[in-house]
């Protein structure tokens, strides 16, 4: 059967496992699979850009579905790149306000140091999380392009729930192998069959 949406994925997982006593847990398995995907995947499909991200204070909320910063810089002339910092360094390195030099992610917020002395316009290129499948959001780019990744990792989670550890490990390894293939293909799409070259200064 085709696996193109949330309902079809649930049916496919049930069919592959061939047991009806755990079907109520398939939704939970999908969420667990997506958590693994978000830890493993970094692809072109997950990159987005906000060229007018406003830094309005020491703490600013991260964007919706934020999966990590890729590039972050102030829209100054010349541009000033913001460095990812540790909490410990940010807590001790700055004792005055000014143009921010770096940031940390604390929960659902960026924290900047030094404390911004005004509002700064910045460009944030960041990774998006895989959009979670739900009844109201029945598909996403990953399910459309790579339903096998969803199926393998969902089956792994379901076998874990059933304490079928060998089967869970087999499905997990297959799922991780598929995720690595997705990452490798994304890198190939980005740079072609050649290698990255450094331009002489």
N, C-alpha and C. Protein backbone atom coordinates (compact mmCIF):
# COMPACT_ATOMS: atom_id res chain seq x y z
N UNK A 1 0.83 -1.18 0.00
CA UNK A 1 0.00 0.00 0.00
C UNK A 1 0.87 1.24 0.00
N UNK A 2 0.34 2.34 -0.52
CA UNK A 2 1.06 3.61 -0.51
C UNK A 2 1.11 4.16 0.91
N UNK A 3 2.19 4.90 1.21
CA UNK A 3 2.31 5.56 2.51
C UNK A 3 2.52 7.04 2.23
N UNK A 4 1.42 7.77 2.16
CA UNK A 4 1.49 9.18 1.78
C UNK A 4 0.99 10.13 2.86
N UNK A 5 0.38 9.59 3.92
CA UNK A 5 -0.14 10.48 4.96
C UNK A 5 -0.16 9.76 6.31
N UNK A 6 -0.57 10.49 7.31
CA UNK A 6 -0.57 10.03 8.69
C UNK A 6 -1.38 8.75 8.87
N UNK A 7 -2.56 8.70 8.28
CA UNK A 7 -3.43 7.54 8.41
C UNK A 7 -2.82 6.33 7.73
N UNK A 8 -2.30 6.51 6.53
CA UNK A 8 -1.69 5.40 5.80
C UNK A 8 -0.43 4.89 6.51
N UNK A 9 0.33 5.79 7.13
CA UNK A 9 1.51 5.36 7.88
C UNK A 9 1.10 4.48 9.06
N UNK A 10 0.08 4.88 9.79
CA UNK A 10 -0.38 4.06 10.91
C UNK A 10 -0.82 2.67 10.45
N UNK A 11 -1.53 2.62 9.33
CA UNK A 11 -1.98 1.34 8.79
C UNK A 11 -0.80 0.48 8.35
N UNK A 12 0.19 1.11 7.74
CA UNK A 12 1.36 0.36 7.28
C UNK A 12 2.14 -0.22 8.45
N UNK A 13 2.30 0.55 9.50
CA UNK A 13 3.02 0.05 10.68
C UNK A 13 2.27 -1.15 11.27
N UNK A 14 0.97 -1.04 11.37
CA UNK A 14 0.17 -2.16 11.89
C UNK A 14 0.31 -3.39 11.00
N UNK A 15 0.29 -3.19 9.68
CA UNK A 15 0.42 -4.31 8.75
C UNK A 15 1.78 -4.99 8.86
N UNK A 16 2.84 -4.20 8.98
CA UNK A 16 4.18 -4.77 9.06
C UNK A 16 4.38 -5.55 10.35
N UNK A 17 3.82 -5.06 11.42
CA UNK A 17 4.00 -5.76 12.71
C UNK A 17 3.10 -6.97 12.85
N UNK A 18 1.94 -6.93 12.19
CA UNK A 18 1.03 -8.06 12.20
C UNK A 18 0.45 -8.41 13.55
N UNK A 19 0.24 -7.40 14.39
CA UNK A 19 -0.36 -7.66 15.68
C UNK A 19 -1.26 -6.49 16.04
N UNK A 20 -2.41 -6.81 16.62
CA UNK A 20 -3.41 -5.79 16.88
C UNK A 20 -3.45 -5.28 18.29
N UNK A 21 -2.61 -5.84 19.19
CA UNK A 21 -2.72 -5.46 20.59
C UNK A 21 -2.02 -4.15 20.92
N UNK A 22 -1.22 -3.63 19.96
CA UNK A 22 -0.48 -2.41 20.24
C UNK A 22 -0.84 -1.26 19.30
N UNK A 23 -1.91 -1.42 18.53
CA UNK A 23 -2.22 -0.39 17.53
C UNK A 23 -2.51 0.97 18.16
N UNK A 24 -2.98 0.96 19.39
CA UNK A 24 -3.25 2.24 20.06
C UNK A 24 -1.98 3.01 20.38
N UNK A 25 -0.83 2.35 20.29
CA UNK A 25 0.45 2.99 20.61
C UNK A 25 1.19 3.49 19.37
N UNK A 26 0.62 3.30 18.18
CA UNK A 26 1.33 3.68 16.96
C UNK A 26 1.56 5.19 16.90
N UNK A 27 0.60 5.97 17.36
CA UNK A 27 0.78 7.42 17.36
C UNK A 27 1.99 7.81 18.22
N UNK A 28 2.14 7.13 19.34
CA UNK A 28 3.30 7.35 20.21
C UNK A 28 4.59 6.98 19.49
N UNK A 29 4.56 5.87 18.74
CA UNK A 29 5.74 5.43 18.01
C UNK A 29 6.14 6.45 16.94
N UNK A 30 5.17 7.06 16.29
CA UNK A 30 5.47 8.07 15.28
C UNK A 30 6.19 9.26 15.92
N UNK A 31 5.72 9.69 17.08
CA UNK A 31 6.37 10.80 17.78
C UNK A 31 7.80 10.44 18.19
N UNK A 32 8.01 9.20 18.64
CA UNK A 32 9.36 8.77 19.00
C UNK A 32 10.27 8.72 17.78
N UNK A 33 9.73 8.25 16.65
CA UNK A 33 10.51 8.22 15.41
C UNK A 33 10.91 9.62 14.99
N UNK A 34 10.00 10.57 15.10
CA UNK A 34 10.31 11.96 14.72
C UNK A 34 11.37 12.57 15.63
N UNK A 35 11.37 12.19 16.90
CA UNK A 35 12.41 12.68 17.80
C UNK A 35 13.78 12.19 17.34
N UNK A 36 13.87 10.92 16.94
CA UNK A 36 15.14 10.40 16.42
C UNK A 36 15.54 11.11 15.14
N UNK A 37 14.57 11.34 14.25
CA UNK A 37 14.87 12.01 12.98
C UNK A 37 15.43 13.41 13.21
N UNK A 38 14.85 14.12 14.16
CA UNK A 38 15.31 15.49 14.41
C UNK A 38 16.71 15.53 15.02
N UNK A 39 17.11 14.46 15.69
CA UNK A 39 18.48 14.39 16.21
C UNK A 39 19.48 14.02 15.14
N UNK A 40 19.05 13.27 14.13
CA UNK A 40 19.97 12.72 13.14
C UNK A 40 20.04 13.52 11.84
N UNK A 41 18.93 14.13 11.43
CA UNK A 41 18.85 14.72 10.10
C UNK A 41 19.30 16.17 10.06
N UNK A 42 20.11 16.50 9.06
CA UNK A 42 20.43 17.86 8.69
C UNK A 42 20.51 17.88 7.16
N UNK A 43 19.44 18.35 6.51
CA UNK A 43 19.37 18.30 5.05
C UNK A 43 18.93 19.65 4.50
N UNK A 44 19.05 19.80 3.19
CA UNK A 44 18.64 21.04 2.53
C UNK A 44 17.17 21.34 2.77
N UNK A 45 16.36 20.31 2.88
CA UNK A 45 14.92 20.51 3.10
C UNK A 45 14.63 21.14 4.45
N UNK A 46 15.60 21.11 5.35
CA UNK A 46 15.37 21.58 6.71
C UNK A 46 15.95 22.97 6.95
N UNK A 47 16.51 23.60 5.92
CA UNK A 47 17.14 24.90 6.08
C UNK A 47 16.18 26.01 5.68
N UNK A 48 16.07 27.02 6.52
CA UNK A 48 15.27 28.20 6.18
C UNK A 48 16.02 29.44 6.64
N UNK A 49 15.56 30.61 6.17
CA UNK A 49 16.28 31.86 6.43
C UNK A 49 15.31 32.96 6.83
N UNK A 50 15.67 33.68 7.87
CA UNK A 50 14.97 34.90 8.25
C UNK A 50 15.98 36.04 8.17
N UNK A 51 15.85 36.87 7.13
CA UNK A 51 16.82 37.93 6.89
C UNK A 51 16.53 39.20 7.69
N UNK A 52 15.45 39.19 8.46
CA UNK A 52 15.08 40.37 9.26
C UNK A 52 14.74 39.96 10.69
N UNK A 53 15.53 39.07 11.24
CA UNK A 53 15.29 38.62 12.61
C UNK A 53 15.69 39.73 13.58
N UNK A 54 14.75 40.19 14.40
CA UNK A 54 15.00 41.32 15.30
C UNK A 54 15.52 40.84 16.65
N UNK A 55 16.66 41.38 17.05
CA UNK A 55 17.21 41.13 18.37
C UNK A 55 16.82 42.33 19.23
N UNK A 56 15.82 42.14 20.05
CA UNK A 56 15.20 43.25 20.78
C UNK A 56 15.64 43.36 22.22
N UNK A 57 16.40 42.39 22.70
CA UNK A 57 16.81 42.41 24.09
C UNK A 57 17.72 41.24 24.39
N UNK A 58 18.00 41.03 25.68
CA UNK A 58 18.89 39.94 26.07
C UNK A 58 18.30 38.59 25.70
N UNK A 59 16.97 38.45 25.85
CA UNK A 59 16.29 37.20 25.53
C UNK A 59 15.30 37.44 24.39
N UNK A 60 15.36 36.58 23.38
CA UNK A 60 14.44 36.65 22.24
C UNK A 60 14.01 35.22 21.92
N UNK A 61 12.72 35.01 21.70
CA UNK A 61 12.21 33.67 21.41
C UNK A 61 12.79 33.12 20.12
N UNK A 62 13.13 31.84 20.12
CA UNK A 62 13.58 31.20 18.88
C UNK A 62 12.37 31.04 17.96
N UNK A 63 12.60 30.90 16.65
CA UNK A 63 11.47 30.72 15.73
C UNK A 63 10.70 29.43 16.00
N UNK A 64 9.49 29.39 15.54
CA UNK A 64 8.68 28.17 15.62
C UNK A 64 9.37 27.05 14.86
N UNK A 65 9.37 25.85 15.43
CA UNK A 65 9.96 24.66 14.81
C UNK A 65 11.47 24.78 14.65
N UNK A 66 12.11 25.56 15.50
CA UNK A 66 13.56 25.78 15.46
C UNK A 66 14.30 24.50 15.81
N UNK A 67 15.25 24.11 14.95
CA UNK A 67 16.03 22.91 15.19
C UNK A 67 17.51 23.16 15.35
N UNK A 68 17.93 24.43 15.42
CA UNK A 68 19.34 24.77 15.60
C UNK A 68 19.78 25.82 14.60
N UNK A 69 20.68 26.70 15.04
CA UNK A 69 21.19 27.76 14.16
C UNK A 69 22.27 27.22 13.24
N UNK A 70 22.24 27.66 11.99
CA UNK A 70 23.27 27.31 11.01
C UNK A 70 24.21 28.49 10.81
N UNK A 71 23.66 29.67 10.56
CA UNK A 71 24.43 30.90 10.40
C UNK A 71 23.64 32.02 11.05
N UNK A 72 24.34 32.91 11.76
CA UNK A 72 23.66 33.96 12.50
C UNK A 72 24.56 35.19 12.47
N UNK A 73 24.07 36.30 11.92
CA UNK A 73 24.90 37.50 11.87
C UNK A 73 24.06 38.76 11.89
N UNK A 74 24.67 39.85 12.39
CA UNK A 74 24.02 41.15 12.41
C UNK A 74 24.07 41.76 11.00
N UNK A 75 23.00 42.43 10.62
CA UNK A 75 22.94 43.07 9.30
C UNK A 75 23.62 44.43 9.35
N UNK A 76 24.89 44.41 9.74
CA UNK A 76 25.68 45.63 9.82
C UNK A 76 26.62 45.68 8.62
N UNK A 77 27.34 46.76 8.47
CA UNK A 77 28.30 46.90 7.37
C UNK A 77 29.68 47.21 7.95
N UNK A 78 30.58 46.22 7.98
CA UNK A 78 30.41 44.85 7.47
C UNK A 78 29.55 44.01 8.44
N UNK A 79 29.09 42.87 7.94
CA UNK A 79 28.27 42.02 8.79
C UNK A 79 29.10 41.52 9.97
N UNK A 80 28.44 41.29 11.08
CA UNK A 80 29.11 40.79 12.28
C UNK A 80 28.50 39.45 12.64
N UNK A 81 29.29 38.40 12.52
CA UNK A 81 28.81 37.06 12.83
C UNK A 81 28.70 36.87 14.33
N UNK A 82 27.60 36.26 14.74
CA UNK A 82 27.36 35.95 16.15
C UNK A 82 27.86 34.55 16.44
N UNK A 83 28.65 34.41 17.48
CA UNK A 83 29.25 33.13 17.82
C UNK A 83 28.40 32.38 18.83
N UNK A 84 28.23 31.06 18.64
CA UNK A 84 27.57 30.27 19.69
C UNK A 84 28.49 30.16 20.90
N UNK A 85 27.95 30.42 22.06
CA UNK A 85 28.74 30.45 23.28
C UNK A 85 28.20 29.44 24.29
N UNK A 86 28.99 29.18 25.31
CA UNK A 86 28.51 28.37 26.42
C UNK A 86 27.83 29.28 27.43
N UNK A 87 26.94 28.70 28.23
CA UNK A 87 26.29 29.48 29.29
C UNK A 87 27.33 30.09 30.23
N UNK A 88 28.33 29.30 30.58
CA UNK A 88 29.33 29.77 31.53
C UNK A 88 30.10 30.97 30.99
N UNK A 89 30.46 30.90 29.71
CA UNK A 89 31.21 32.01 29.12
C UNK A 89 30.35 33.26 29.05
N UNK A 90 29.11 33.10 28.61
CA UNK A 90 28.22 34.26 28.50
C UNK A 90 27.99 34.90 29.86
N UNK A 91 27.90 34.10 30.90
CA UNK A 91 27.63 34.63 32.25
C UNK A 91 28.79 35.46 32.79
N UNK A 92 30.01 35.20 32.32
CA UNK A 92 31.18 35.85 32.93
C UNK A 92 31.90 36.81 31.99
N UNK A 93 31.66 36.71 30.68
CA UNK A 93 32.49 37.47 29.73
C UNK A 93 32.04 38.91 29.53
N UNK A 94 30.77 39.20 29.75
CA UNK A 94 30.25 40.52 29.41
C UNK A 94 29.68 41.21 30.64
N UNK A 95 30.11 42.44 30.86
CA UNK A 95 29.59 43.21 32.00
C UNK A 95 29.07 44.58 31.56
N UNK A 96 28.80 44.72 30.27
CA UNK A 96 28.24 45.97 29.75
C UNK A 96 27.33 45.63 28.58
N UNK A 97 26.55 46.61 28.14
CA UNK A 97 25.68 46.42 26.99
C UNK A 97 26.36 46.90 25.72
N UNK A 98 25.79 46.53 24.59
CA UNK A 98 26.37 46.93 23.31
C UNK A 98 25.84 46.05 22.21
N UNK A 99 26.55 46.02 21.09
CA UNK A 99 26.17 45.13 19.99
C UNK A 99 26.49 43.70 20.40
N UNK A 100 25.55 42.79 20.27
CA UNK A 100 25.83 41.40 20.68
C UNK A 100 26.94 40.78 19.85
N UNK A 101 27.71 39.94 20.52
CA UNK A 101 28.80 39.21 19.88
C UNK A 101 28.52 37.72 19.77
N UNK A 102 27.62 37.21 20.62
CA UNK A 102 27.34 35.79 20.62
C UNK A 102 26.02 35.50 21.28
N UNK A 103 25.72 34.20 21.35
CA UNK A 103 24.42 33.79 21.87
C UNK A 103 24.50 32.37 22.42
N UNK A 104 23.54 32.05 23.25
CA UNK A 104 23.27 30.66 23.63
C UNK A 104 21.78 30.42 23.44
N UNK A 105 21.41 29.17 23.29
CA UNK A 105 19.99 28.81 23.26
C UNK A 105 19.63 28.25 24.62
N UNK A 106 18.68 28.90 25.28
CA UNK A 106 18.22 28.46 26.59
C UNK A 106 16.73 28.16 26.48
N UNK A 107 16.41 26.89 26.43
CA UNK A 107 15.01 26.48 26.27
C UNK A 107 14.46 26.95 24.94
N UNK A 108 13.49 27.81 24.96
CA UNK A 108 12.87 28.32 23.73
C UNK A 108 13.30 29.75 23.44
N UNK A 109 14.44 30.17 24.00
CA UNK A 109 14.93 31.54 23.79
C UNK A 109 16.39 31.56 23.39
N UNK A 110 16.74 32.56 22.57
CA UNK A 110 18.13 32.97 22.44
C UNK A 110 18.45 33.90 23.61
N UNK A 111 19.66 33.79 24.13
CA UNK A 111 20.17 34.78 25.07
C UNK A 111 21.44 35.36 24.46
N UNK A 112 21.53 36.68 24.41
CA UNK A 112 22.62 37.35 23.72
C UNK A 112 23.58 38.01 24.71
N UNK A 113 24.84 38.07 24.31
CA UNK A 113 25.83 38.78 25.08
C UNK A 113 26.77 39.53 24.14
N UNK A 114 27.15 40.77 24.50
CA UNK A 114 26.60 41.58 25.60
C UNK A 114 25.10 41.80 25.43
N UNK A 115 24.47 42.28 26.48
CA UNK A 115 23.05 42.63 26.39
C UNK A 115 22.88 43.71 25.33
N UNK A 116 22.03 43.49 24.32
CA UNK A 116 21.89 44.48 23.24
C UNK A 116 21.48 45.85 23.78
N UNK A 117 22.18 46.88 23.30
CA UNK A 117 21.90 48.24 23.74
C UNK A 117 20.79 48.89 22.94
N UNK A 118 20.35 48.23 21.88
CA UNK A 118 19.26 48.71 21.03
C UNK A 118 18.72 47.51 20.27
N UNK A 119 17.73 47.72 19.42
CA UNK A 119 17.24 46.64 18.57
C UNK A 119 18.17 46.49 17.37
N UNK A 120 18.59 45.25 17.10
CA UNK A 120 19.48 44.97 15.98
C UNK A 120 18.77 44.06 14.99
N UNK A 121 18.89 44.39 13.71
CA UNK A 121 18.40 43.52 12.65
C UNK A 121 19.47 42.49 12.35
N UNK A 122 19.06 41.26 12.18
CA UNK A 122 20.04 40.19 11.92
C UNK A 122 19.50 39.22 10.89
N UNK A 123 20.37 38.36 10.42
CA UNK A 123 19.99 37.27 9.52
C UNK A 123 20.25 35.96 10.24
N UNK A 124 19.22 35.15 10.33
CA UNK A 124 19.31 33.85 10.98
C UNK A 124 18.97 32.77 9.96
N UNK A 125 19.96 31.94 9.66
CA UNK A 125 19.74 30.75 8.84
C UNK A 125 19.72 29.58 9.80
N UNK A 126 18.66 28.78 9.76
CA UNK A 126 18.52 27.75 10.79
C UNK A 126 17.87 26.49 10.25
N UNK A 127 18.06 25.44 11.03
CA UNK A 127 17.47 24.15 10.72
C UNK A 127 16.05 24.10 11.27
N UNK A 128 15.14 23.62 10.46
CA UNK A 128 13.78 23.36 10.91
C UNK A 128 13.67 21.92 11.40
N UNK A 129 12.89 21.71 12.42
CA UNK A 129 12.55 20.35 12.80
C UNK A 129 11.63 19.74 11.73
N UNK A 130 11.65 18.44 11.63
CA UNK A 130 10.69 17.76 10.75
C UNK A 130 9.30 18.07 11.28
N UNK A 131 8.40 18.63 10.45
CA UNK A 131 7.05 18.94 10.93
C UNK A 131 6.34 17.69 11.42
N UNK A 132 5.88 17.72 12.65
CA UNK A 132 5.25 16.55 13.25
C UNK A 132 3.96 16.18 12.52
N UNK A 133 3.78 14.89 12.28
CA UNK A 133 2.54 14.41 11.68
C UNK A 133 1.44 14.39 12.74
N UNK A 134 0.28 14.88 12.36
CA UNK A 134 -0.90 14.86 13.23
C UNK A 134 -2.12 14.71 12.33
N UNK A 135 -3.28 14.60 12.96
CA UNK A 135 -4.50 14.58 12.18
C UNK A 135 -4.69 15.86 11.38
N UNK A 136 -4.26 16.98 11.95
CA UNK A 136 -4.39 18.26 11.26
C UNK A 136 -3.25 18.56 10.32
N UNK A 137 -2.14 17.83 10.44
CA UNK A 137 -0.99 17.98 9.54
C UNK A 137 -0.59 16.57 9.08
N UNK A 138 -1.35 16.02 8.11
CA UNK A 138 -1.23 14.59 7.80
C UNK A 138 -0.02 14.20 6.97
N UNK A 139 0.74 15.17 6.47
CA UNK A 139 1.92 14.80 5.70
C UNK A 139 2.99 15.87 5.85
N UNK A 140 4.20 15.54 5.44
CA UNK A 140 5.30 16.49 5.44
C UNK A 140 6.30 16.05 4.37
N UNK A 141 7.35 16.85 4.17
CA UNK A 141 8.29 16.56 3.09
C UNK A 141 9.01 15.22 3.30
N UNK A 142 9.28 14.86 4.54
CA UNK A 142 10.02 13.63 4.80
C UNK A 142 9.16 12.40 4.50
N UNK A 143 7.91 12.40 4.91
CA UNK A 143 7.04 11.27 4.61
C UNK A 143 6.80 11.16 3.11
N UNK A 144 6.66 12.30 2.44
CA UNK A 144 6.44 12.27 0.99
C UNK A 144 7.62 11.68 0.25
N UNK A 145 8.84 12.08 0.65
CA UNK A 145 10.04 11.65 -0.08
C UNK A 145 10.65 10.36 0.45
N UNK A 146 10.48 10.09 1.75
CA UNK A 146 11.18 8.96 2.37
C UNK A 146 10.27 8.22 3.36
N UNK A 147 9.18 7.63 2.88
CA UNK A 147 8.28 6.92 3.80
C UNK A 147 8.96 5.74 4.48
N UNK A 148 10.02 5.19 3.84
CA UNK A 148 10.72 4.05 4.43
C UNK A 148 11.41 4.43 5.74
N UNK A 149 11.86 5.68 5.86
CA UNK A 149 12.47 6.12 7.11
C UNK A 149 11.45 6.11 8.24
N UNK A 150 10.29 6.66 7.97
CA UNK A 150 9.22 6.66 8.97
C UNK A 150 8.84 5.23 9.35
N UNK A 151 8.66 4.38 8.35
CA UNK A 151 8.19 3.02 8.62
C UNK A 151 9.19 2.26 9.48
N UNK A 152 10.47 2.33 9.13
CA UNK A 152 11.48 1.57 9.88
C UNK A 152 11.58 2.06 11.33
N UNK A 153 11.62 3.36 11.53
CA UNK A 153 11.79 3.87 12.89
C UNK A 153 10.52 3.71 13.72
N UNK A 154 9.37 3.78 13.09
CA UNK A 154 8.13 3.50 13.82
C UNK A 154 8.06 2.03 14.24
N UNK A 155 8.45 1.14 13.35
CA UNK A 155 8.46 -0.29 13.69
C UNK A 155 9.46 -0.58 14.79
N UNK A 156 10.60 0.12 14.78
CA UNK A 156 11.58 -0.04 15.85
C UNK A 156 10.97 0.34 17.20
N UNK A 157 10.29 1.48 17.23
CA UNK A 157 9.67 1.92 18.48
C UNK A 157 8.60 0.94 18.93
N UNK A 158 7.81 0.43 18.00
CA UNK A 158 6.75 -0.51 18.35
C UNK A 158 7.31 -1.81 18.88
N UNK A 159 8.39 -2.29 18.27
CA UNK A 159 9.00 -3.53 18.75
C UNK A 159 9.61 -3.32 20.14
N UNK A 160 10.13 -2.12 20.39
CA UNK A 160 10.62 -1.81 21.72
C UNK A 160 9.50 -1.85 22.74
N UNK A 161 8.34 -1.29 22.39
CA UNK A 161 7.19 -1.33 23.29
C UNK A 161 6.79 -2.77 23.61
N UNK A 162 6.95 -3.65 22.59
CA UNK A 162 6.60 -5.06 22.77
C UNK A 162 7.73 -5.87 23.40
N UNK A 163 8.85 -5.19 23.70
CA UNK A 163 10.04 -5.83 24.27
C UNK A 163 10.61 -6.90 23.36
N UNK A 164 10.47 -6.66 22.05
CA UNK A 164 11.10 -7.52 21.06
C UNK A 164 12.40 -6.84 20.64
N UNK A 165 13.43 -6.99 21.47
CA UNK A 165 14.62 -6.15 21.37
C UNK A 165 15.41 -6.39 20.09
N UNK A 166 15.53 -7.63 19.65
CA UNK A 166 16.29 -7.89 18.43
C UNK A 166 15.61 -7.24 17.22
N UNK A 167 14.30 -7.37 17.14
CA UNK A 167 13.57 -6.76 16.03
C UNK A 167 13.67 -5.24 16.11
N UNK A 168 13.57 -4.70 17.33
CA UNK A 168 13.68 -3.25 17.51
C UNK A 168 15.03 -2.74 17.03
N UNK A 169 16.10 -3.48 17.36
CA UNK A 169 17.44 -3.07 16.94
C UNK A 169 17.60 -3.16 15.42
N UNK A 170 17.02 -4.20 14.83
CA UNK A 170 17.11 -4.35 13.38
C UNK A 170 16.40 -3.22 12.64
N UNK A 171 15.19 -2.90 13.06
CA UNK A 171 14.47 -1.78 12.44
C UNK A 171 15.19 -0.45 12.69
N UNK A 172 15.73 -0.28 13.91
CA UNK A 172 16.45 0.96 14.22
C UNK A 172 17.66 1.12 13.31
N UNK A 173 18.45 0.05 13.14
CA UNK A 173 19.62 0.14 12.28
C UNK A 173 19.24 0.44 10.84
N UNK A 174 18.16 -0.17 10.38
CA UNK A 174 17.68 0.11 9.03
C UNK A 174 17.23 1.57 8.91
N UNK A 175 16.52 2.05 9.93
CA UNK A 175 16.08 3.44 9.91
C UNK A 175 17.24 4.41 9.90
N UNK A 176 18.25 4.16 10.74
CA UNK A 176 19.41 5.04 10.79
C UNK A 176 20.18 5.00 9.47
N UNK A 177 20.24 3.83 8.84
CA UNK A 177 20.91 3.71 7.54
C UNK A 177 20.19 4.56 6.49
N UNK A 178 18.86 4.54 6.52
CA UNK A 178 18.09 5.35 5.58
C UNK A 178 18.32 6.84 5.85
N UNK A 179 18.33 7.24 7.12
CA UNK A 179 18.58 8.65 7.44
C UNK A 179 19.95 9.09 6.95
N UNK A 180 20.95 8.22 7.08
CA UNK A 180 22.29 8.57 6.60
C UNK A 180 22.30 8.71 5.08
N UNK A 181 21.56 7.85 4.39
CA UNK A 181 21.45 7.98 2.94
C UNK A 181 20.81 9.31 2.55
N UNK A 182 19.80 9.74 3.33
CA UNK A 182 19.14 11.02 3.06
C UNK A 182 20.13 12.17 3.24
N UNK A 183 20.92 12.12 4.32
CA UNK A 183 21.91 13.16 4.58
C UNK A 183 22.97 13.17 3.47
N UNK A 184 23.45 11.99 3.08
CA UNK A 184 24.46 11.90 2.02
C UNK A 184 23.93 12.45 0.70
N UNK A 185 22.68 12.14 0.38
CA UNK A 185 22.10 12.63 -0.87
C UNK A 185 21.95 14.15 -0.82
N UNK A 186 21.58 14.69 0.34
CA UNK A 186 21.46 16.13 0.47
C UNK A 186 22.81 16.82 0.26
N UNK A 187 23.88 16.24 0.81
CA UNK A 187 25.22 16.80 0.60
C UNK A 187 25.60 16.75 -0.86
N UNK A 188 25.27 15.65 -1.53
CA UNK A 188 25.58 15.51 -2.95
C UNK A 188 24.81 16.54 -3.77
N UNK A 189 23.54 16.76 -3.41
CA UNK A 189 22.74 17.75 -4.12
C UNK A 189 23.31 19.15 -3.94
N UNK A 190 23.92 19.40 -2.78
CA UNK A 190 24.45 20.73 -2.48
C UNK A 190 25.75 21.01 -3.22
N UNK A 191 26.66 20.01 -3.29
CA UNK A 191 27.98 20.27 -3.87
C UNK A 191 28.24 19.50 -5.15
N UNK A 192 27.27 18.68 -5.59
CA UNK A 192 27.47 17.88 -6.81
C UNK A 192 28.41 16.73 -6.54
N UNK A 193 29.00 16.21 -7.61
CA UNK A 193 29.90 15.07 -7.48
C UNK A 193 31.33 15.47 -7.16
N UNK A 194 31.60 16.77 -7.17
CA UNK A 194 32.95 17.23 -6.87
C UNK A 194 33.13 17.42 -5.38
N UNK A 195 34.18 18.12 -5.04
CA UNK A 195 34.46 18.41 -3.63
C UNK A 195 34.50 19.91 -3.45
N UNK A 196 34.29 20.34 -2.21
CA UNK A 196 34.36 21.76 -1.91
C UNK A 196 35.78 22.26 -2.07
N UNK A 197 35.94 23.45 -2.66
CA UNK A 197 37.26 24.03 -2.86
C UNK A 197 37.33 25.35 -2.12
N UNK A 198 38.51 25.64 -1.61
CA UNK A 198 38.74 26.91 -0.93
C UNK A 198 39.26 27.91 -1.94
N UNK A 199 38.58 29.05 -2.02
CA UNK A 199 39.00 30.09 -2.96
C UNK A 199 40.19 30.84 -2.39
N UNK A 200 41.27 31.02 -3.19
CA UNK A 200 42.44 31.77 -2.71
C UNK A 200 42.04 33.19 -2.31
N UNK A 201 42.66 33.69 -1.24
CA UNK A 201 42.39 35.05 -0.78
C UNK A 201 43.17 36.06 -1.62
